[in-house]
């Protein structure tokens, strides 16, 4: 049988050319997701379900009855980088992050693979899986199985289970007025990956996004052990402003963000924005929550909106911590080689959910 001439050679494959979206930028917007999840159906009482659909958190959490809770989560998306091995690593780090964001320890993962089998050879999918195995090994867990389908576009991710002592569970809706805000990874991944897809990425910035996205949020487990850490979430497809909005609204407070303290993956982000390297997800994000955001006088709103609503993939942890423990958190973050400067504060509830100053 003759080979399918439409299947490219491995060396020619650029995965991002086979998908209409990229990474967490594929996420459905917060506003549309609210419509999808709306229901009048009453759910059965379940006093063992600590975290479920009643909040907009990172994972479900179930009381095992022995002082320990089970964390369950899933995350998957289309390629955000061209290299299949790195795609597997990034998608896996992103999925495992939900367990760390709840203060937990991952224990098991299974794969979710959608593959256009008539377009991309199985050897490419094997590289994706191998990349996933490498990240799972870094997290100290096994990639123990999974499920695959023939799909029009390449898709990969994980379903991950974790465990956490019930006293250590961190949620995204338990921030308190006066809490100091930390963010452990830099912002701008969506802008850089869009620039790369458009052929406009500067050579000096080539590896920045991929290296950051492959970094595990392992510090989340240690943060879970601190009672002074009141709330935590990871920053992904809704951008920093979107995930902070969820944290503030869920906690019935407001927040202030100091834009000059937000870590940027490169100081050239405004130049990329000028070149229209803004993901479609940014505008969907802003359409969902822009009315809830205020800007102090003198803030350049064009750049600020594009950066703070930029969809992140495998982003950092957003942490709300009591002021008296801020230095302890800083020391912990520095010990993990993470950004450790405060980026804002939780305030009393006011007209706007988040104010950028």
C-alpha atoms as a PDB file:
ATOM      1  CA  UNK A   1       0.000   0.000   0.000  1.00  0.00           C
ATOM      2  CA  UNK A   2       1.363   3.425  -0.903  1.00  0.00           C
ATOM      3  CA  UNK A   3       2.147   5.840   1.897  1.00  0.00           C
ATOM      4  CA  UNK A   4      -0.290   8.684   2.477  1.00  0.00           C
ATOM      5  CA  UNK A   5       1.406  11.610   0.764  1.00  0.00           C
ATOM      6  CA  UNK A   6      -0.573  14.083   2.883  1.00  0.00           C
ATOM      7  CA  UNK A   7       1.258  12.982   6.048  1.00  0.00           C
ATOM      8  CA  UNK A   8       4.343  15.198   6.555  1.00  0.00           C
ATOM      9  CA  UNK A   9       7.773  14.067   7.642  1.00  0.00           C
ATOM     10  CA  UNK A  10       8.474  14.307  11.383  1.00  0.00           C
ATOM     11  CA  UNK A  11      11.060  17.043  10.850  1.00  0.00           C
ATOM     12  CA  UNK A  12       8.501  19.194   9.000  1.00  0.00           C
ATOM     13  CA  UNK A  13       5.743  19.046  11.601  1.00  0.00           C
ATOM     14  CA  UNK A  14       4.737  22.196  13.435  1.00  0.00           C
ATOM     15  CA  UNK A  15       1.868  21.204  15.722  1.00  0.00           C
ATOM     16  CA  UNK A  16       0.362  24.678  16.079  1.00  0.00           C
ATOM     17  CA  UNK A  17      -0.492  24.619  12.356  1.00  0.00           C
ATOM     18  CA  UNK A  18      -3.005  21.831  12.992  1.00  0.00           C
ATOM     19  CA  UNK A  19      -5.230  23.594  15.538  1.00  0.00           C
ATOM     20  CA  UNK A  20      -7.450  26.649  15.532  1.00  0.00           C
ATOM     21  CA  UNK A  21      -6.573  27.568  19.135  1.00  0.00           C
ATOM     22  CA  UNK A  22      -3.621  27.188  21.451  1.00  0.00           C
ATOM     23  CA  UNK A  23      -3.203  26.041  25.033  1.00  0.00           C
ATOM     24  CA  UNK A  24      -5.468  27.570  27.659  1.00  0.00           C
ATOM     25  CA  UNK A  25      -6.406  30.212  25.086  1.00  0.00           C
ATOM     26  CA  UNK A  26      -8.780  27.493  23.831  1.00  0.00           C
ATOM     27  CA  UNK A  27     -10.842  27.835  27.002  1.00  0.00           C
ATOM     28  CA  UNK A  28     -14.452  28.904  26.681  1.00  0.00           C
ATOM     29  CA  UNK A  29     -14.864  32.439  28.014  1.00  0.00           C
ATOM     30  CA  UNK A  30     -16.028  32.944  31.614  1.00  0.00           C
ATOM     31  CA  UNK A  31     -19.306  34.521  30.473  1.00  0.00           C
ATOM     32  CA  UNK A  32     -20.178  31.709  28.075  1.00  0.00           C
ATOM     33  CA  UNK A  33     -19.098  29.069  30.589  1.00  0.00           C
ATOM     34  CA  UNK A  34     -21.569  30.496  33.107  1.00  0.00           C
ATOM     35  CA  UNK A  35     -24.319  30.008  30.518  1.00  0.00           C
ATOM     36  CA  UNK A  36     -23.244  26.440  29.779  1.00  0.00           C
ATOM     37  CA  UNK A  37     -23.133  25.434  33.436  1.00  0.00           C
ATOM     38  CA  UNK A  38     -26.427  27.074  34.390  1.00  0.00           C
ATOM     39  CA  UNK A  39     -29.023  24.548  35.606  1.00  0.00           C
ATOM     40  CA  UNK A  40     -32.289  24.310  37.499  1.00  0.00           C
ATOM     41  CA  UNK A  41     -31.643  20.668  38.320  1.00  0.00           C
ATOM     42  CA  UNK A  42     -31.194  20.068  42.022  1.00  0.00           C
ATOM     43  CA  UNK A  43     -28.164  17.946  42.825  1.00  0.00           C
ATOM     44  CA  UNK A  44     -28.238  15.281  45.529  1.00  0.00           C
ATOM     45  CA  UNK A  45     -26.923  16.252  48.942  1.00  0.00           C
ATOM     46  CA  UNK A  46     -23.377  15.005  49.409  1.00  0.00           C
ATOM     47  CA  UNK A  47     -21.763  16.009  52.653  1.00  0.00           C
ATOM     48  CA  UNK A  48     -18.492  14.396  51.511  1.00  0.00           C
ATOM     49  CA  UNK A  49     -18.073  16.794  48.572  1.00  0.00           C
ATOM     50  CA  UNK A  50     -15.985  19.630  49.989  1.00  0.00           C
ATOM     51  CA  UNK A  51     -15.446  21.477  46.677  1.00  0.00           C
ATOM     52  CA  UNK A  52     -17.675  20.989  43.642  1.00  0.00           C
ATOM     53  CA  UNK A  53     -19.705  22.990  41.149  1.00  0.00           C
ATOM     54  CA  UNK A  54     -20.950  25.353  43.836  1.00  0.00           C
ATOM     55  CA  UNK A  55     -17.708  27.320  43.437  1.00  0.00           C
ATOM     56  CA  UNK A  56     -15.444  28.217  40.511  1.00  0.00           C
ATOM     57  CA  UNK A  57     -12.440  26.373  41.859  1.00  0.00           C
ATOM     58  CA  UNK A  58      -9.575  24.493  40.235  1.00  0.00           C
ATOM     59  CA  UNK A  59     -10.594  20.934  41.170  1.00  0.00           C
ATOM     60  CA  UNK A  60     -13.190  18.852  42.931  1.00  0.00           C
ATOM     61  CA  UNK A  61     -12.353  17.750  46.479  1.00  0.00           C
ATOM     62  CA  UNK A  62     -13.951  14.763  48.239  1.00  0.00           C
ATOM     63  CA  UNK A  63     -13.675  13.886  51.933  1.00  0.00           C
ATOM     64  CA  UNK A  64     -12.315  10.333  52.260  1.00  0.00           C
ATOM     65  CA  UNK A  65     -13.428  10.138  55.894  1.00  0.00           C
ATOM     66  CA  UNK A  66      -9.965   9.673  57.401  1.00  0.00           C
ATOM     67  CA  UNK A  67      -8.799  13.284  57.634  1.00  0.00           C
ATOM     68  CA  UNK A  68      -7.655  13.186  54.018  1.00  0.00           C
ATOM     69  CA  UNK A  69      -9.420  14.433  50.904  1.00  0.00           C
ATOM     70  CA  UNK A  70      -9.221  13.265  47.300  1.00  0.00           C
ATOM     71  CA  UNK A  71      -8.583  15.940  44.656  1.00  0.00           C
ATOM     72  CA  UNK A  72      -9.861  15.231  41.131  1.00  0.00           C
ATOM     73  CA  UNK A  73      -9.261  17.406  38.075  1.00  0.00           C
ATOM     74  CA  UNK A  74      -8.857  17.300  34.313  1.00  0.00           C
ATOM     75  CA  UNK A  75      -7.395  19.695  31.773  1.00  0.00           C
ATOM     76  CA  UNK A  76      -6.600  19.364  28.076  1.00  0.00           C
ATOM     77  CA  UNK A  77      -6.118  21.600  25.064  1.00  0.00           C
ATOM     78  CA  UNK A  78      -4.721  21.971  21.554  1.00  0.00           C
ATOM     79  CA  UNK A  79      -1.008  22.599  20.848  1.00  0.00           C
ATOM     80  CA  UNK A  80       0.541  25.811  22.099  1.00  0.00           C
ATOM     81  CA  UNK A  81       4.044  24.915  20.843  1.00  0.00           C
ATOM     82  CA  UNK A  82       5.218  23.160  17.691  1.00  0.00           C
ATOM     83  CA  UNK A  83       7.429  20.576  19.387  1.00  0.00           C
ATOM     84  CA  UNK A  84       5.337  17.480  20.288  1.00  0.00           C
ATOM     85  CA  UNK A  85       7.493  16.435  23.246  1.00  0.00           C
ATOM     86  CA  UNK A  86       7.248  19.895  24.799  1.00  0.00           C
ATOM     87  CA  UNK A  87       3.506  19.996  24.058  1.00  0.00           C
ATOM     88  CA  UNK A  88       3.107  16.858  26.163  1.00  0.00           C
ATOM     89  CA  UNK A  89       5.184  18.368  28.955  1.00  0.00           C
ATOM     90  CA  UNK A  90       3.280  21.662  28.964  1.00  0.00           C
ATOM     91  CA  UNK A  91      -0.186  20.100  28.853  1.00  0.00           C
ATOM     92  CA  UNK A  92       0.758  17.772  31.698  1.00  0.00           C
ATOM     93  CA  UNK A  93       2.287  20.463  33.914  1.00  0.00           C
ATOM     94  CA  UNK A  94      -0.841  22.535  33.337  1.00  0.00           C
ATOM     95  CA  UNK A  95      -3.194  19.718  34.407  1.00  0.00           C
ATOM     96  CA  UNK A  96      -1.155  18.722  37.459  1.00  0.00           C
ATOM     97  CA  UNK A  97      -1.128  22.370  38.565  1.00  0.00           C
ATOM     98  CA  UNK A  98      -4.779  22.173  39.640  1.00  0.00           C
ATOM     99  CA  UNK A  99      -3.800  19.730  42.392  1.00  0.00           C
ATOM    100  CA  UNK A 100      -1.028  22.020  43.616  1.00  0.00           C
ATOM    101  CA  UNK A 101      -3.442  24.979  43.514  1.00  0.00           C
ATOM    102  CA  UNK A 102      -5.654  23.166  46.036  1.00  0.00           C
ATOM    103  CA  UNK A 103      -2.669  22.679  48.357  1.00  0.00           C
ATOM    104  CA  UNK A 104      -2.420  18.994  47.475  1.00  0.00           C
ATOM    105  CA  UNK A 105       0.002  16.305  46.387  1.00  0.00           C
ATOM    106  CA  UNK A 106      -0.590  14.605  42.988  1.00  0.00           C
ATOM    107  CA  UNK A 107      -0.683  10.809  43.109  1.00  0.00           C
ATOM    108  CA  UNK A 108      -1.922   9.547  39.728  1.00  0.00           C
ATOM    109  CA  UNK A 109      -2.572  10.709  36.162  1.00  0.00           C
ATOM    110  CA  UNK A 110      -4.292   9.280  33.112  1.00  0.00           C
ATOM    111  CA  UNK A 111      -3.989  10.699  29.608  1.00  0.00           C
ATOM    112  CA  UNK A 112      -6.573  12.265  27.299  1.00  0.00           C
ATOM    113  CA  UNK A 113      -5.501  12.126  23.647  1.00  0.00           C
ATOM    114  CA  UNK A 114      -7.339  13.258  20.543  1.00  0.00           C
ATOM    115  CA  UNK A 115      -5.346  12.681  17.374  1.00  0.00           C
ATOM    116  CA  UNK A 116      -5.988  13.317  13.641  1.00  0.00           C
ATOM    117  CA  UNK A 117      -4.704   9.900  12.628  1.00  0.00           C
ATOM    118  CA  UNK A 118      -5.021  10.553   8.876  1.00  0.00           C
ATOM    119  CA  UNK A 119      -2.986  13.760   9.122  1.00  0.00           C
ATOM    120  CA  UNK A 120      -0.334  13.277  11.803  1.00  0.00           C
ATOM    121  CA  UNK A 121       1.662  10.041  12.207  1.00  0.00           C
ATOM    122  CA  UNK A 122       1.517   8.027  15.445  1.00  0.00           C
ATOM    123  CA  UNK A 123       5.203   8.695  16.043  1.00  0.00           C
ATOM    124  CA  UNK A 124       4.302  12.318  16.787  1.00  0.00           C
ATOM    125  CA  UNK A 125       1.639  11.294  19.286  1.00  0.00           C
ATOM    126  CA  UNK A 126       4.195   8.995  20.917  1.00  0.00           C
ATOM    127  CA  UNK A 127       6.466  12.001  21.477  1.00  0.00           C
ATOM    128  CA  UNK A 128       3.577  13.871  23.120  1.00  0.00           C
ATOM    129  CA  UNK A 129       2.981  10.948  25.488  1.00  0.00           C
ATOM    130  CA  UNK A 130       6.685  10.670  26.208  1.00  0.00           C
ATOM    131  CA  UNK A 131       6.808  14.349  27.143  1.00  0.00           C
ATOM    132  CA  UNK A 132       3.884  13.782  29.472  1.00  0.00           C
ATOM    133  CA  UNK A 133       5.645  10.865  31.124  1.00  0.00           C
ATOM    134  CA  UNK A 134       8.682  13.056  31.774  1.00  0.00           C
ATOM    135  CA  UNK A 135       6.643  15.710  33.610  1.00  0.00           C
ATOM    136  CA  UNK A 136       4.708  13.084  35.565  1.00  0.00           C
ATOM    137  CA  UNK A 137       8.065  11.670  36.668  1.00  0.00           C
ATOM    138  CA  UNK A 138       9.115  15.133  37.862  1.00  0.00           C
ATOM    139  CA  UNK A 139       5.893  15.314  39.866  1.00  0.00           C
ATOM    140  CA  UNK A 140       6.575  11.883  41.352  1.00  0.00           C
ATOM    141  CA  UNK A 141       3.551  10.180  39.799  1.00  0.00           C
ATOM    142  CA  UNK A 142       2.785   7.598  37.134  1.00  0.00           C
ATOM    143  CA  UNK A 143       1.019   8.140  33.837  1.00  0.00           C
ATOM    144  CA  UNK A 144      -1.117   5.107  34.492  1.00  0.00           C
ATOM    145  CA  UNK A 145      -3.390   4.886  31.455  1.00  0.00           C
ATOM    146  CA  UNK A 146      -5.853   6.998  29.543  1.00  0.00           C
ATOM    147  CA  UNK A 147      -8.164   7.221  26.570  1.00  0.00           C
ATOM    148  CA  UNK A 148      -7.657   8.220  22.926  1.00  0.00           C
ATOM    149  CA  UNK A 149      -9.906   9.149  20.012  1.00  0.00           C
ATOM    150  CA  UNK A 150      -9.535  10.083  16.352  1.00  0.00           C
ATOM    151  CA  UNK A 151     -10.214  13.833  16.284  1.00  0.00           C
ATOM    152  CA  UNK A 152      -9.943  16.605  13.663  1.00  0.00           C
ATOM    153  CA  UNK A 153      -7.289  18.464  15.681  1.00  0.00           C
ATOM    154  CA  UNK A 154      -4.567  17.271  18.069  1.00  0.00           C
ATOM    155  CA  UNK A 155      -5.669  17.443  21.721  1.00  0.00           C
ATOM    156  CA  UNK A 156      -3.809  16.342  24.810  1.00  0.00           C
ATOM    157  CA  UNK A 157      -4.147  16.604  28.567  1.00  0.00           C
ATOM    158  CA  UNK A 158      -4.520  14.664  31.773  1.00  0.00           C
ATOM    159  CA  UNK A 159      -7.019  13.681  34.396  1.00  0.00           C
ATOM    160  CA  UNK A 160      -5.169  13.907  37.694  1.00  0.00           C
ATOM    161  CA  UNK A 161      -5.916  12.723  41.220  1.00  0.00           C
ATOM    162  CA  UNK A 162      -4.248  14.097  44.325  1.00  0.00           C
ATOM    163  CA  UNK A 163      -4.552  13.902  48.082  1.00  0.00           C
ATOM    164  CA  UNK A 164      -4.522  16.602  50.729  1.00  0.00           C
ATOM    165  CA  UNK A 165      -5.062  16.723  54.498  1.00  0.00           C
ATOM    166  CA  UNK A 166      -8.440  18.385  54.939  1.00  0.00           C
ATOM    167  CA  UNK A 167      -6.867  21.108  57.089  1.00  0.00           C
ATOM    168  CA  UNK A 168      -4.545  22.012  54.182  1.00  0.00           C
ATOM    169  CA  UNK A 169      -7.156  22.460  51.436  1.00  0.00           C
ATOM    170  CA  UNK A 170      -6.831  25.810  49.673  1.00  0.00           C
ATOM    171  CA  UNK A 171      -9.753  27.288  47.759  1.00  0.00           C
ATOM    172  CA  UNK A 172     -10.051  30.315  45.517  1.00  0.00           C
ATOM    173  CA  UNK A 173     -13.017  31.862  47.375  1.00  0.00           C
ATOM    174  CA  UNK A 174     -11.588  32.239  50.881  1.00  0.00           C
ATOM    175  CA  UNK A 175      -9.449  35.386  50.610  1.00  0.00           C
ATOM    176  CA  UNK A 176      -9.696  37.908  53.431  1.00  0.00           C
ATOM    177  CA  UNK A 177      -9.510  41.684  53.516  1.00  0.00           C
ATOM    178  CA  UNK A 178      -5.906  42.775  54.024  1.00  0.00           C
ATOM    179  CA  UNK A 179      -4.376  39.673  52.438  1.00  0.00           C
ATOM    180  CA  UNK A 180      -1.222  40.231  50.407  1.00  0.00           C
ATOM    181  CA  UNK A 181      -1.265  38.882  46.826  1.00  0.00           C
ATOM    182  CA  UNK A 182       1.606  36.940  45.271  1.00  0.00           C
ATOM    183  CA  UNK A 183       1.987  35.527  41.746  1.00  0.00           C
ATOM    184  CA  UNK A 184       4.667  32.898  41.183  1.00  0.00           C
ATOM    185  CA  UNK A 185       5.136  33.028  37.385  1.00  0.00           C
ATOM    186  CA  UNK A 186       5.492  35.810  34.851  1.00  0.00           C
ATOM    187  CA  UNK A 187       2.658  37.044  32.614  1.00  0.00           C
ATOM    188  CA  UNK A 188       2.675  37.180  28.798  1.00  0.00           C
ATOM    189  CA  UNK A 189       2.729  33.565  27.604  1.00  0.00           C
ATOM    190  CA  UNK A 190      -0.280  34.064  25.316  1.00  0.00           C
ATOM    191  CA  UNK A 191       1.305  37.107  23.663  1.00  0.00           C
ATOM    192  CA  UNK A 192       4.603  35.332  23.013  1.00  0.00           C
ATOM    193  CA  UNK A 193       3.034  32.157  21.646  1.00  0.00           C
ATOM    194  CA  UNK A 194       0.829  34.255  19.361  1.00  0.00           C
ATOM    195  CA  UNK A 195       3.904  36.116  18.147  1.00  0.00           C
ATOM    196  CA  UNK A 196       5.601  32.792  17.445  1.00  0.00           C
ATOM    197  CA  UNK A 197       2.595  31.491  15.505  1.00  0.00           C
ATOM    198  CA  UNK A 198       2.609  34.732  13.477  1.00  0.00           C
ATOM    199  CA  UNK A 199       6.348  34.475  12.759  1.00  0.00           C
ATOM    200  CA  UNK A 200       7.093  37.637  14.734  1.00  0.00           C
ATOM    201  CA  UNK A 201       8.843  36.263  17.812  1.00  0.00           C
ATOM    202  CA  UNK A 202      12.314  37.692  18.416  1.00  0.00           C
ATOM    203  CA  UNK A 203      15.082  35.108  18.622  1.00  0.00           C
ATOM    204  CA  UNK A 204      15.979  36.154  22.172  1.00  0.00           C
ATOM    205  CA  UNK A 205      12.438  35.304  23.311  1.00  0.00           C
ATOM    206  CA  UNK A 206      12.199  31.920  21.593  1.00  0.00           C
ATOM    207  CA  UNK A 207      12.391  29.651  24.647  1.00  0.00           C
ATOM    208  CA  UNK A 208      10.878  31.913  27.318  1.00  0.00           C
ATOM    209  CA  UNK A 209       7.265  30.756  27.147  1.00  0.00           C
ATOM    210  CA  UNK A 210       7.941  27.025  26.782  1.00  0.00           C
ATOM    211  CA  UNK A 211      10.414  26.898  29.653  1.00  0.00           C
ATOM    212  CA  UNK A 212       8.009  28.672  31.996  1.00  0.00           C
ATOM    213  CA  UNK A 213       5.019  26.542  30.970  1.00  0.00           C
ATOM    214  CA  UNK A 214       6.947  23.344  31.697  1.00  0.00           C
ATOM    215  CA  UNK A 215       7.701  24.450  35.259  1.00  0.00           C
ATOM    216  CA  UNK A 216       5.678  22.583  37.885  1.00  0.00           C
ATOM    217  CA  UNK A 217       3.858  24.496  40.646  1.00  0.00           C
ATOM    218  CA  UNK A 218       5.193  22.117  43.306  1.00  0.00           C
ATOM    219  CA  UNK A 219       5.344  24.910  45.881  1.00  0.00           C
ATOM    220  CA  UNK A 220       1.555  24.635  46.166  1.00  0.00           C
ATOM    221  CA  UNK A 221       1.823  21.597  48.422  1.00  0.00           C
ATOM    222  CA  UNK A 222       4.070  23.488  50.851  1.00  0.00           C
ATOM    223  CA  UNK A 223       1.782  26.535  50.736  1.00  0.00           C
ATOM    224  CA  UNK A 224      -1.101  24.229  51.627  1.00  0.00           C
ATOM    225  CA  UNK A 225       0.583  23.558  54.962  1.00  0.00           C
ATOM    226  CA  UNK A 226       0.425  27.249  55.918  1.00  0.00           C
ATOM    227  CA  UNK A 227      -2.789  28.276  57.654  1.00  0.00           C
ATOM    228  CA  UNK A 228      -1.967  31.921  56.881  1.00  0.00           C
ATOM    229  CA  UNK A 229      -2.412  31.218  53.163  1.00  0.00           C
ATOM    230  CA  UNK A 230      -6.108  31.984  52.969  1.00  0.00           C
ATOM    231  CA  UNK A 231      -6.788  31.395  49.259  1.00  0.00           C
ATOM    232  CA  UNK A 232      -4.991  30.082  46.196  1.00  0.00           C
ATOM    233  CA  UNK A 233      -5.632  29.401  42.512  1.00  0.00           C
ATOM    234  CA  UNK A 234      -3.560  29.024  39.367  1.00  0.00           C
ATOM    235  CA  UNK A 235      -3.631  31.613  36.602  1.00  0.00           C
ATOM    236  CA  UNK A 236      -4.548  30.048  33.267  1.00  0.00           C
ATOM    237  CA  UNK A 237      -6.885  30.824  30.381  1.00  0.00           C
ATOM    238  CA  UNK A 238      -8.893  33.636  31.984  1.00  0.00           C
ATOM    239  CA  UNK A 239      -5.756  35.709  32.556  1.00  0.00           C
ATOM    240  CA  UNK A 240      -4.580  37.270  35.809  1.00  0.00           C
ATOM    241  CA  UNK A 241      -7.567  39.631  35.997  1.00  0.00           C
ATOM    242  CA  UNK A 242     -10.047  36.825  35.352  1.00  0.00           C
ATOM    243  CA  UNK A 243      -8.736  34.500  38.037  1.00  0.00           C
ATOM    244  CA  UNK A 244      -8.340  37.354  40.519  1.00  0.00           C
ATOM    245  CA  UNK A 245     -11.916  38.413  39.763  1.00  0.00           C
ATOM    246  CA  UNK A 246     -13.109  34.880  40.578  1.00  0.00           C
ATOM    247  CA  UNK A 247     -11.123  34.937  43.816  1.00  0.00           C
ATOM    248  CA  UNK A 248     -12.447  38.322  44.893  1.00  0.00           C
ATOM    249  CA  UNK A 249     -16.070  37.738  43.925  1.00  0.00           C
ATOM    250  CA  UNK A 250     -16.125  34.306  45.535  1.00  0.00           C
ATOM    251  CA  UNK A 251     -14.660  35.773  48.726  1.00  0.00           C
ATOM    252  CA  UNK A 252     -17.038  38.802  48.730  1.00  0.00           C
ATOM    253  CA  UNK A 253     -14.138  41.273  48.637  1.00  0.00           C
ATOM    254  CA  UNK A 254     -12.328  43.436  46.104  1.00  0.00           C
ATOM    255  CA  UNK A 255      -8.664  43.606  45.114  1.00  0.00           C
ATOM    256  CA  UNK A 256      -6.030  46.096  44.006  1.00  0.00           C
ATOM    257  CA  UNK A 257      -3.208  45.124  41.631  1.00  0.00           C
ATOM    258  CA  UNK A 258      -0.012  47.149  41.276  1.00  0.00           C
ATOM    259  CA  UNK A 259       0.711  46.842  37.573  1.00  0.00           C
ATOM    260  CA  UNK A 260       4.375  47.766  37.953  1.00  0.00           C
ATOM    261  CA  UNK A 261       4.800  44.829  40.351  1.00  0.00           C
ATOM    262  CA  UNK A 262       3.268  42.213  38.038  1.00  0.00           C
ATOM    263  CA  UNK A 263       6.135  40.100  36.641  1.00  0.00           C
ATOM    264  CA  UNK A 264       6.309  40.209  32.839  1.00  0.00           C
ATOM    265  CA  UNK A 265       7.876  37.413  30.810  1.00  0.00           C
ATOM    266  CA  UNK A 266       9.616  40.084  28.720  1.00  0.00           C
ATOM    267  CA  UNK A 267       9.544  43.873  28.862  1.00  0.00           C
ATOM    268  CA  UNK A 268       8.958  43.823  25.100  1.00  0.00           C
ATOM    269  CA  UNK A 269       5.308  42.820  25.520  1.00  0.00           C
ATOM    270  CA  UNK A 270       4.060  46.299  24.447  1.00  0.00           C
ATOM    271  CA  UNK A 271       6.028  45.976  21.199  1.00  0.00           C
ATOM    272  CA  UNK A 272       4.385  42.615  20.482  1.00  0.00           C
ATOM    273  CA  UNK A 273       0.989  44.116  21.280  1.00  0.00           C
ATOM    274  CA  UNK A 274       1.705  46.899  18.782  1.00  0.00           C
ATOM    275  CA  UNK A 275       2.289  44.147  16.199  1.00  0.00           C
ATOM    276  CA  UNK A 276      -1.193  42.702  16.935  1.00  0.00           C
ATOM    277  CA  UNK A 277       0.209  39.626  18.712  1.00  0.00           C
ATOM    278  CA  UNK A 278      -2.811  39.424  21.009  1.00  0.00           C
ATOM    279  CA  UNK A 279      -4.625  36.061  21.355  1.00  0.00           C
ATOM    280  CA  UNK A 280      -8.332  35.917  20.565  1.00  0.00           C
ATOM    281  CA  UNK A 281      -8.892  34.706  24.111  1.00  0.00           C
ATOM    282  CA  UNK A 282      -7.809  38.102  25.471  1.00  0.00           C
ATOM    283  CA  UNK A 283     -10.782  39.874  23.920  1.00  0.00           C
ATOM    284  CA  UNK A 284     -13.152  37.093  25.014  1.00  0.00           C
ATOM    285  CA  UNK A 285     -11.810  37.438  28.534  1.00  0.00           C
ATOM    286  CA  UNK A 286     -12.238  41.203  28.576  1.00  0.00           C
ATOM    287  CA  UNK A 287     -15.772  40.905  27.214  1.00  0.00           C
ATOM    288  CA  UNK A 288     -16.584  38.612  30.146  1.00  0.00           C
ATOM    289  CA  UNK A 289     -15.269  40.684  33.047  1.00  0.00           C
ATOM    290  CA  UNK A 290     -14.033  44.049  31.768  1.00  0.00           C
ATOM    291  CA  UNK A 291     -16.952  45.919  33.361  1.00  0.00           C
ATOM    292  CA  UNK A 292     -15.724  44.766  36.774  1.00  0.00           C
ATOM    293  CA  UNK A 293     -12.254  46.302  36.397  1.00  0.00           C
ATOM    294  CA  UNK A 294     -11.184  49.874  37.194  1.00  0.00           C
ATOM    295  CA  UNK A 295      -7.931  51.648  36.273  1.00  0.00           C
ATOM    296  CA  UNK A 296      -6.150  54.364  38.190  1.00  0.00           C
ATOM    297  CA  UNK A 297      -5.404  57.613  36.376  1.00  0.00           C
ATOM    298  CA  UNK A 298      -2.290  57.391  34.218  1.00  0.00           C
ATOM    299  CA  UNK A 299      -2.510  53.670  33.464  1.00  0.00           C
ATOM    300  CA  UNK A 300      -2.128  52.856  29.753  1.00  0.00           C
ATOM    301  CA  UNK A 301      -5.263  50.769  29.384  1.00  0.00           C
ATOM    302  CA  UNK A 302      -4.465  49.408  25.917  1.00  0.00           C
ATOM    303  CA  UNK A 303      -1.310  47.637  27.075  1.00  0.00           C
ATOM    304  CA  UNK A 304      -2.584  46.858  30.562  1.00  0.00           C
ATOM    305  CA  UNK A 305      -5.739  45.125  29.333  1.00  0.00           C
ATOM    306  CA  UNK A 306      -3.807  43.102  26.759  1.00  0.00           C
ATOM    307  CA  UNK A 307      -1.296  41.949  29.390  1.00  0.00           C
ATOM    308  CA  UNK A 308      -3.499  41.338  32.427  1.00  0.00           C
ATOM    309  CA  UNK A 309      -6.254  39.590  30.415  1.00  0.00           C
ATOM    310  CA  UNK A 310      -3.718  37.564  28.414  1.00  0.00           C
ATOM    311  CA  UNK A 311      -4.588  33.834  28.572  1.00  0.00           C
ATOM    312  CA  UNK A 312      -1.856  31.970  30.419  1.00  0.00           C
ATOM    313  CA  UNK A 313      -1.085  28.295  29.952  1.00  0.00           C
ATOM    314  CA  UNK A 314       0.413  26.437  32.916  1.00  0.00           C
ATOM    315  CA  UNK A 315       0.606  29.793  34.702  1.00  0.00           C
ATOM    316  CA  UNK A 316       1.704  30.564  38.215  1.00  0.00           C
ATOM    317  CA  UNK A 317      -0.089  30.341  41.531  1.00  0.00           C
ATOM    318  CA  UNK A 318      -2.048  33.378  42.703  1.00  0.00           C
ATOM    319  CA  UNK A 319      -1.829  33.416  46.492  1.00  0.00           C
ATOM    320  CA  UNK A 320      -3.706  35.470  49.116  1.00  0.00           C
ATOM    321  CA  UNK A 321      -1.799  35.399  52.400  1.00  0.00           C
ATOM    322  CA  UNK A 322      -2.215  37.120  55.761  1.00  0.00           C
ATOM    323  CA  UNK A 323       0.179  40.104  56.107  1.00  0.00           C
ATOM    324  CA  UNK A 324       1.974  38.602  59.094  1.00  0.00           C
ATOM    325  CA  UNK A 325       3.054  35.609  56.977  1.00  0.00           C
ATOM    326  CA  UNK A 326       4.063  37.540  53.842  1.00  0.00           C
ATOM    327  CA  UNK A 327       7.796  37.301  54.562  1.00  0.00           C
ATOM    328  CA  UNK A 328       7.505  33.569  55.242  1.00  0.00           C
ATOM    329  CA  UNK A 329       5.779  33.069  51.876  1.00  0.00           C
ATOM    330  CA  UNK A 330       8.419  35.187  50.158  1.00  0.00           C
ATOM    331  CA  UNK A 331      11.179  33.014  51.603  1.00  0.00           C
ATOM    332  CA  UNK A 332       9.373  29.850  50.498  1.00  0.00           C
ATOM    333  CA  UNK A 333       8.895  31.145  46.958  1.00  0.00           C
ATOM    334  CA  UNK A 334      12.531  32.230  46.707  1.00  0.00           C
ATOM    335  CA  UNK A 335      13.645  28.783  47.843  1.00  0.00           C
ATOM    336  CA  UNK A 336      11.778  27.399  44.796  1.00  0.00           C
ATOM    337  CA  UNK A 337      13.330  30.054  42.471  1.00  0.00           C
ATOM    338  CA  UNK A 338       9.945  31.735  41.979  1.00  0.00           C
ATOM    339  CA  UNK A 339       8.904  35.390  41.750  1.00  0.00           C
ATOM    340  CA  UNK A 340       8.365  36.565  45.319  1.00  0.00           C
ATOM    341  CA  UNK A 341       7.344  40.233  45.222  1.00  0.00           C
ATOM    342  CA  UNK A 342       3.777  41.120  46.293  1.00  0.00           C
ATOM    343  CA  UNK A 343       1.630  42.266  43.367  1.00  0.00           C
ATOM    344  CA  UNK A 344      -1.395  43.605  45.240  1.00  0.00           C
ATOM    345  CA  UNK A 345      -3.755  43.378  48.164  1.00  0.00           C
ATOM    346  CA  UNK A 346      -7.260  42.217  49.003  1.00  0.00           C
ATOM    347  CA  UNK A 347      -9.465  45.152  50.008  1.00  0.00           C
ATOM    348  CA  UNK A 348     -12.973  45.643  51.316  1.00  0.00           C
ATOM    349  CA  UNK A 349     -15.693  45.141  48.724  1.00  0.00           C
ATOM    350  CA  UNK A 350     -16.328  48.203  46.589  1.00  0.00           C
ATOM    351  CA  UNK A 351     -17.882  49.214  43.273  1.00  0.00           C
ATOM    352  CA  UNK A 352     -15.259  47.408  41.188  1.00  0.00           C
ATOM    353  CA  UNK A 353     -14.002  43.890  41.789  1.00  0.00           C
ATOM    354  CA  UNK A 354     -10.399  44.703  40.803  1.00  0.00           C
ATOM    355  CA  UNK A 355      -8.649  48.051  40.544  1.00  0.00           C
ATOM    356  CA  UNK A 356      -5.369  48.310  38.626  1.00  0.00           C
ATOM    357  CA  UNK A 357      -3.086  50.965  40.076  1.00  0.00           C
END
